[in-house]
Amino acid sequence: MADPVRLKTVLGTYPHTAALKSGDLRSDEVALDFVEVEPVHKAFAPMVRRAEYDLSELAIATALQAIAYGKPVVLLPAVVASRLQRGCLIYHRAHGPVTPRDLAGARVGVRAYTQTTGLWLRAHLAEDYGLAAEDIRWVTSDPAHVEEYADPAFVEHVTADRSLPDRLRAGEIRAAILGNDLPEGDEFAPVISDHAAVDRAWAAKHGFMPINHMVAVSQDTARSRPQAVRAAYALLKQAAAAAPAPADGMSRTMFGFDRLHDAVELTLATCADQRLLPRRLTVGEVFADAEAILGDLGA
């Protein structure tokens, strides 16, 4: 029997990737050689700029931009990170309460304008409060992972020498969007006070959670080793199916072209509204290469 094809891989550590990273779940056809990147978003630019990895977790906003700009990546119908987002918009209590309607014309910090958590918060602010992306001055320190993308004129760039919580403490920004680095304790408070209830109602209405990260493979890997890609995708699905159910009952994973159609279509519309894409994409275009490789496996 031939040795399994080895794929240089970056995935975050989640309950639904644990069996893959521990080696408890394996395949005779493919071996995932994991590279640990912390935080995982630091793998995104090398993936879309240089195809640094064979298989990598990728923010959905970055993935859609990469496809629109013709970068050599193939997006698989595999979601590995989703989150209810409204609680990620915070203010500093010492400067007085802040409501969503106070953000019109205000400076709001986010790591990058293209960060997916920021994408969803802006969508929620528009949907719930009528605040368009351009109604707020977005203060960022990081550029887009896709080099060709230029931020809109209402985005301000600052140096990365101070964290967003520190900028909040200093009163430089009115609010900030943070993700996995959301600070704990009573020093900060959510701008959207009833965020949990509104988020759950949104997820119930749409039938999915807002997507943060998916999985992509390099175009070269997809073309030269398609069977290994199919085997890797099957492993991802197996690992997710075997993972413990989340405590809140809301799945962070999702697989399959049909299951992802509505979620990706909404994300594409949101990206267009926020000037994140150079041209309109369709769901069919987003998954065309993956569908050719996965076939019925991606159903």
Protein backbone atom coordinates (compact mmCIF):
# COMPACT_ATOMS: atom_id res chain seq x y z
CA MET A 1 0.00 0.00 0.00
CA ALA A 2 1.27 3.47 -0.92
CA ASP A 3 2.08 5.91 1.82
CA PRO A 4 -0.56 8.59 2.44
CA VAL A 5 -0.12 11.93 0.71
CA ARG A 6 1.14 14.50 3.20
CA LEU A 7 -0.49 17.93 3.29
CA LYS A 8 1.00 20.89 5.14
CA THR A 9 -1.97 22.00 7.24
CA VAL A 10 -3.07 24.86 9.51
CA LEU A 11 -6.22 24.47 11.58
CA GLY A 12 -7.17 26.04 14.87
CA THR A 13 -7.58 23.81 17.91
CA TYR A 14 -11.30 23.18 18.44
CA PRO A 15 -13.34 20.26 19.78
CA HIS A 16 -14.11 19.37 16.15
CA THR A 17 -10.43 19.36 15.09
CA ALA A 18 -9.00 17.71 18.22
CA ALA A 19 -9.18 14.14 16.86
CA LEU A 20 -7.31 15.23 13.72
CA LYS A 21 -4.57 17.06 15.59
CA SER A 22 -4.08 14.26 18.11
CA GLY A 23 -3.86 11.65 15.36
CA ASP A 24 -6.81 9.68 16.77
CA LEU A 25 -8.57 10.08 13.43
CA ARG A 26 -6.49 9.09 10.40
CA SER A 27 -6.72 8.14 6.77
CA ASP A 28 -4.78 5.73 4.58
CA GLU A 29 -4.92 8.29 1.77
CA VAL A 30 -3.84 11.52 3.42
CA ALA A 31 -1.76 12.66 6.39
CA LEU A 32 -2.26 16.18 7.74
CA ASP A 33 1.09 17.64 8.79
CA PHE A 34 0.01 20.35 11.20
CA VAL A 35 1.79 23.67 11.53
CA GLU A 36 0.75 25.55 14.66
CA VAL A 37 0.06 29.24 14.00
CA GLU A 38 -1.14 31.41 16.90
CA PRO A 39 -3.35 33.26 16.49
CA VAL A 40 -4.60 31.36 13.49
CA HIS A 41 -5.36 34.52 11.48
CA LYS A 42 -1.60 34.95 11.01
CA ALA A 43 -1.77 32.02 8.56
CA PHE A 44 -4.29 33.75 6.30
CA ALA A 45 -2.00 36.19 4.49
CA PRO A 46 0.68 33.57 3.73
CA MET A 47 -2.05 31.27 2.41
CA VAL A 48 -3.66 33.73 0.00
CA ARG A 49 -0.45 35.51 -1.03
CA ARG A 50 1.97 32.60 -1.40
CA ALA A 51 -0.10 29.41 -1.03
CA GLU A 52 2.15 28.67 1.95
CA TYR A 53 0.06 25.66 3.03
CA ASP A 54 -1.66 22.82 1.23
CA LEU A 55 -4.72 23.13 3.45
CA SER A 56 -5.55 26.00 5.77
CA GLU A 57 -8.29 27.55 7.83
CA LEU A 58 -9.27 30.85 6.24
CA ALA A 59 -11.59 33.69 7.23
CA ILE A 60 -14.58 33.76 4.91
CA ALA A 61 -14.04 37.45 4.05
CA THR A 62 -10.43 36.70 3.12
CA ALA A 63 -11.47 33.64 1.11
CA LEU A 64 -14.08 35.57 -0.88
CA GLN A 65 -11.63 38.38 -1.57
CA ALA A 66 -9.03 35.83 -2.68
CA ILE A 67 -11.47 34.30 -5.15
CA ALA A 68 -12.53 37.71 -6.47
CA TYR A 69 -8.90 38.71 -7.03
CA GLY A 70 -7.98 35.40 -8.66
CA LYS A 71 -5.66 34.12 -5.94
CA PRO A 72 -4.60 30.44 -6.16
CA VAL A 73 -6.89 29.02 -3.47
CA VAL A 74 -9.89 26.68 -3.59
CA LEU A 75 -12.56 27.16 -0.93
CA LEU A 76 -14.04 23.91 0.42
CA PRO A 77 -17.64 23.75 1.73
CA ALA A 78 -16.35 23.34 5.27
CA VAL A 79 -17.02 25.81 8.11
CA VAL A 80 -14.77 25.33 11.15
CA ALA A 81 -15.59 28.49 13.14
CA SER A 82 -18.84 30.40 13.58
CA ARG A 83 -19.89 32.81 16.29
CA LEU A 84 -22.81 34.86 17.53
CA GLN A 85 -21.24 38.27 16.98
CA ARG A 86 -23.18 41.11 18.60
CA GLY A 87 -21.47 40.72 21.99
CA CYS A 88 -18.08 41.43 20.38
CA LEU A 89 -18.75 45.18 20.15
CA ILE A 90 -17.68 46.79 23.43
CA TYR A 91 -17.06 50.15 25.12
CA HIS A 92 -15.13 51.27 28.22
CA ARG A 93 -17.37 51.96 31.20
CA ALA A 94 -15.21 54.80 32.54
CA HIS A 95 -16.15 57.00 29.56
CA GLY A 96 -19.89 56.56 30.04
CA PRO A 97 -22.44 54.28 28.39
CA VAL A 98 -22.47 53.81 24.62
CA THR A 99 -25.44 52.60 22.60
CA PRO A 100 -25.42 51.58 18.93
CA ARG A 101 -27.02 54.87 17.92
CA ASP A 102 -24.12 56.75 19.54
CA LEU A 103 -21.77 55.25 16.94
CA ALA A 104 -22.92 57.39 14.01
CA GLY A 105 -19.88 59.52 13.12
CA ALA A 106 -17.82 57.93 15.92
CA ARG A 107 -14.41 56.27 15.73
CA VAL A 108 -14.75 52.50 16.26
CA GLY A 109 -11.73 50.22 16.44
CA VAL A 110 -11.34 46.88 14.69
CA ARG A 111 -8.12 45.00 13.93
CA ALA A 112 -8.72 45.16 10.17
CA TYR A 113 -11.64 46.42 8.11
CA THR A 114 -11.72 43.00 6.44
CA GLN A 115 -11.84 41.07 9.74
CA THR A 116 -14.87 38.77 9.62
CA THR A 117 -16.18 39.67 13.07
CA GLY A 118 -16.19 43.29 11.94
CA LEU A 119 -18.02 42.33 8.76
CA TRP A 120 -20.84 40.74 10.76
CA LEU A 121 -21.03 43.51 13.37
CA ARG A 122 -21.39 46.10 10.61
CA ALA A 123 -24.11 43.96 9.03
CA HIS A 124 -25.96 43.76 12.35
CA LEU A 125 -25.65 47.52 12.94
CA ALA A 126 -27.11 48.14 9.50
CA GLU A 127 -29.91 45.60 9.95
CA ASP A 128 -30.89 46.54 13.49
CA TYR A 129 -30.13 50.28 13.66
CA GLY A 130 -29.86 51.55 10.09
CA LEU A 131 -26.14 52.34 10.45
CA ALA A 132 -24.30 51.82 7.17
CA ALA A 133 -20.60 50.98 7.17
CA GLU A 134 -19.74 54.49 5.94
CA ASP A 135 -21.64 56.11 8.81
CA ILE A 136 -18.82 55.13 11.18
CA ARG A 137 -15.11 55.96 11.15
CA TRP A 138 -13.35 52.58 11.35
CA VAL A 139 -9.97 52.69 13.06
CA THR A 140 -7.70 49.79 12.05
CA SER A 141 -4.08 48.70 12.43
CA ASP A 142 -3.86 45.71 10.07
CA PRO A 143 -4.20 45.69 6.28
CA ALA A 144 -6.20 43.12 4.35
CA HIS A 145 -4.69 39.67 3.94
CA VAL A 146 -5.28 39.99 0.19
CA GLU A 147 -2.73 42.62 -0.87
CA GLU A 148 -4.72 43.92 -3.83
CA TYR A 149 -7.61 45.12 -1.68
CA ALA A 150 -7.65 48.79 -0.61
CA ASP A 151 -9.83 49.88 2.31
CA PRO A 152 -12.59 52.45 1.66
CA ALA A 153 -12.03 56.14 2.45
CA PHE A 154 -13.99 55.91 5.73
CA VAL A 155 -11.35 53.56 7.17
CA GLU A 156 -8.52 55.12 9.19
CA HIS A 157 -5.16 53.40 9.72
CA VAL A 158 -3.18 53.72 12.94
CA THR A 159 -0.03 52.03 14.20
CA ALA A 160 -0.26 48.67 15.93
CA ASP A 161 1.71 49.82 18.98
CA ARG A 162 -1.41 49.98 21.19
CA SER A 163 -4.15 47.40 21.64
CA LEU A 164 -7.80 48.14 21.07
CA PRO A 165 -8.58 47.83 24.81
CA ASP A 166 -5.82 50.38 25.51
CA ARG A 167 -7.27 52.75 22.92
CA LEU A 168 -10.67 52.37 24.59
CA ARG A 169 -9.16 53.14 27.99
CA ALA A 170 -7.52 56.27 26.59
CA GLY A 171 -10.76 57.44 24.99
CA GLU A 172 -9.23 57.42 21.50
CA ILE A 173 -12.11 55.35 20.15
CA ARG A 174 -15.77 55.17 21.24
CA ALA A 175 -16.12 51.40 20.84
CA ALA A 176 -14.19 48.42 19.52
CA ILE A 177 -14.79 45.05 17.93
CA LEU A 178 -12.77 42.13 19.27
CA GLY A 179 -13.09 38.41 18.64
CA ASN A 180 -11.28 35.63 20.47
CA ASP A 181 -9.32 38.35 22.31
CA LEU A 182 -12.46 39.89 23.83
CA PRO A 183 -11.39 41.11 27.31
CA GLU A 184 -13.04 39.68 30.41
CA GLY A 185 -14.18 41.44 33.55
CA ASP A 186 -16.35 44.49 34.30
CA GLU A 187 -14.07 47.15 32.84
CA PHE A 188 -15.76 46.84 29.44
CA ALA A 189 -19.40 46.34 28.50
CA PRO A 190 -21.25 45.33 25.33
CA VAL A 191 -22.64 48.16 23.23
CA ILE A 192 -25.62 45.97 22.33
CA SER A 193 -27.00 45.19 25.78
CA ASP A 194 -29.43 42.46 24.67
CA HIS A 195 -26.95 40.90 22.25
CA ALA A 196 -27.46 37.27 23.33
CA ALA A 197 -31.21 37.27 22.77
CA VAL A 198 -30.98 39.16 19.48
CA ASP A 199 -28.21 36.87 18.22
CA ARG A 200 -30.20 33.75 19.01
CA ALA A 201 -33.26 35.14 17.27
CA TRP A 202 -31.12 35.95 14.22
CA ALA A 203 -29.68 32.42 14.11
CA ALA A 204 -33.13 30.87 14.50
CA LYS A 205 -34.47 33.02 11.65
CA HIS A 206 -31.62 32.23 9.26
CA GLY A 207 -30.93 28.64 10.26
CA PHE A 208 -27.18 29.14 10.70
CA MET A 209 -24.66 31.08 12.74
CA PRO A 210 -22.58 33.84 11.11
CA ILE A 211 -19.57 32.15 9.50
CA ASN A 212 -16.10 33.19 10.63
CA HIS A 213 -13.66 30.63 9.23
CA MET A 214 -13.78 27.99 6.51
CA VAL A 215 -11.17 25.66 4.99
CA ALA A 216 -9.26 26.23 1.77
CA VAL A 217 -6.66 24.32 -0.18
CA SER A 218 -4.04 25.69 -2.52
CA GLN A 219 -4.94 25.51 -6.18
CA ASP A 220 -1.79 23.54 -6.94
CA THR A 221 -2.69 20.94 -4.30
CA ALA A 222 -6.26 20.72 -5.58
CA ARG A 223 -5.08 20.10 -9.14
CA SER A 224 -2.15 17.78 -8.45
CA ARG A 225 -3.54 15.77 -5.51
CA PRO A 226 -7.35 15.85 -5.74
CA GLN A 227 -7.82 12.47 -4.05
CA ALA A 228 -5.86 13.70 -1.04
CA VAL A 229 -8.11 16.76 -0.88
CA ARG A 230 -11.19 14.53 -0.97
CA ALA A 231 -9.75 12.39 1.81
CA ALA A 232 -8.90 15.47 3.90
CA TYR A 233 -12.43 16.83 3.47
CA ALA A 234 -13.86 13.47 4.56
CA LEU A 235 -11.65 13.58 7.66
CA LEU A 236 -12.87 17.07 8.53
CA LYS A 237 -16.48 15.91 8.32
CA GLN A 238 -15.75 12.82 10.43
CA ALA A 239 -13.98 14.84 13.10
CA ALA A 240 -16.85 17.33 13.32
CA ALA A 241 -19.45 14.56 13.53
CA ALA A 242 -17.54 12.86 16.36
CA ALA A 243 -17.02 16.03 18.43
CA PRO A 244 -19.10 16.67 21.57
CA ALA A 245 -22.17 18.79 21.00
CA PRO A 246 -21.61 22.44 22.00
CA ALA A 247 -23.03 23.39 25.39
CA ASP A 248 -25.32 26.03 23.89
CA GLY A 249 -26.61 23.58 21.28
CA MET A 250 -25.44 25.78 18.40
CA SER A 251 -23.06 24.16 15.94
CA ARG A 252 -19.90 26.02 14.94
CA THR A 253 -19.38 23.74 11.93
CA MET A 254 -21.21 23.22 8.67
CA PHE A 255 -20.41 21.13 5.61
CA GLY A 256 -21.86 20.70 2.13
CA PHE A 257 -22.62 22.91 -0.87
CA ASP A 258 -26.37 22.91 -0.32
CA ARG A 259 -26.19 23.53 3.43
CA LEU A 260 -23.83 26.43 2.92
CA HIS A 261 -25.61 28.06 0.00
CA ASP A 262 -27.77 30.54 1.93
CA ALA A 263 -25.03 31.40 4.41
CA VAL A 264 -22.49 32.15 1.69
CA GLU A 265 -25.05 34.04 -0.39
CA LEU A 266 -25.82 36.30 2.58
CA THR A 267 -22.10 36.80 3.22
CA LEU A 268 -21.55 37.79 -0.40
CA ALA A 269 -24.36 40.35 -0.24
CA THR A 270 -22.92 41.71 3.00
CA CYS A 271 -19.45 42.00 1.47
CA ALA A 272 -20.91 43.93 -1.46
CA ASP A 273 -22.75 46.30 0.87
CA GLN A 274 -19.52 47.03 2.75
CA ARG A 275 -17.32 47.46 -0.36
CA LEU A 276 -15.22 44.43 0.51
CA LEU A 277 -15.19 42.89 -2.97
CA PRO A 278 -13.99 44.34 -6.30
CA ARG A 279 -16.84 42.62 -8.13
CA ARG A 280 -19.97 40.59 -7.48
CA LEU A 281 -19.48 36.86 -6.94
CA THR A 282 -22.07 34.10 -7.06
CA VAL A 283 -22.20 31.07 -4.78
CA GLY A 284 -21.65 28.88 -7.85
CA GLU A 285 -18.45 30.76 -8.67
CA VAL A 286 -17.23 30.52 -5.07
CA PHE A 287 -17.52 26.73 -5.00
CA ALA A 288 -16.94 25.84 -8.67
CA ASP A 289 -13.42 24.47 -8.17
CA ALA A 290 -14.31 22.58 -5.00
CA GLU A 291 -17.39 21.05 -6.62
CA ALA A 292 -15.26 19.73 -9.47
CA ILE A 293 -12.98 18.01 -6.95
CA LEU A 294 -15.40 16.82 -4.29
CA GLY A 295 -18.43 15.89 -6.40
CA ASP A 296 -21.01 13.98 -4.35
CA LEU A 297 -18.74 14.07 -1.29
CA GLY A 298 -19.55 17.76 -0.93
CA ALA A 299 -23.31 17.20 -0.94
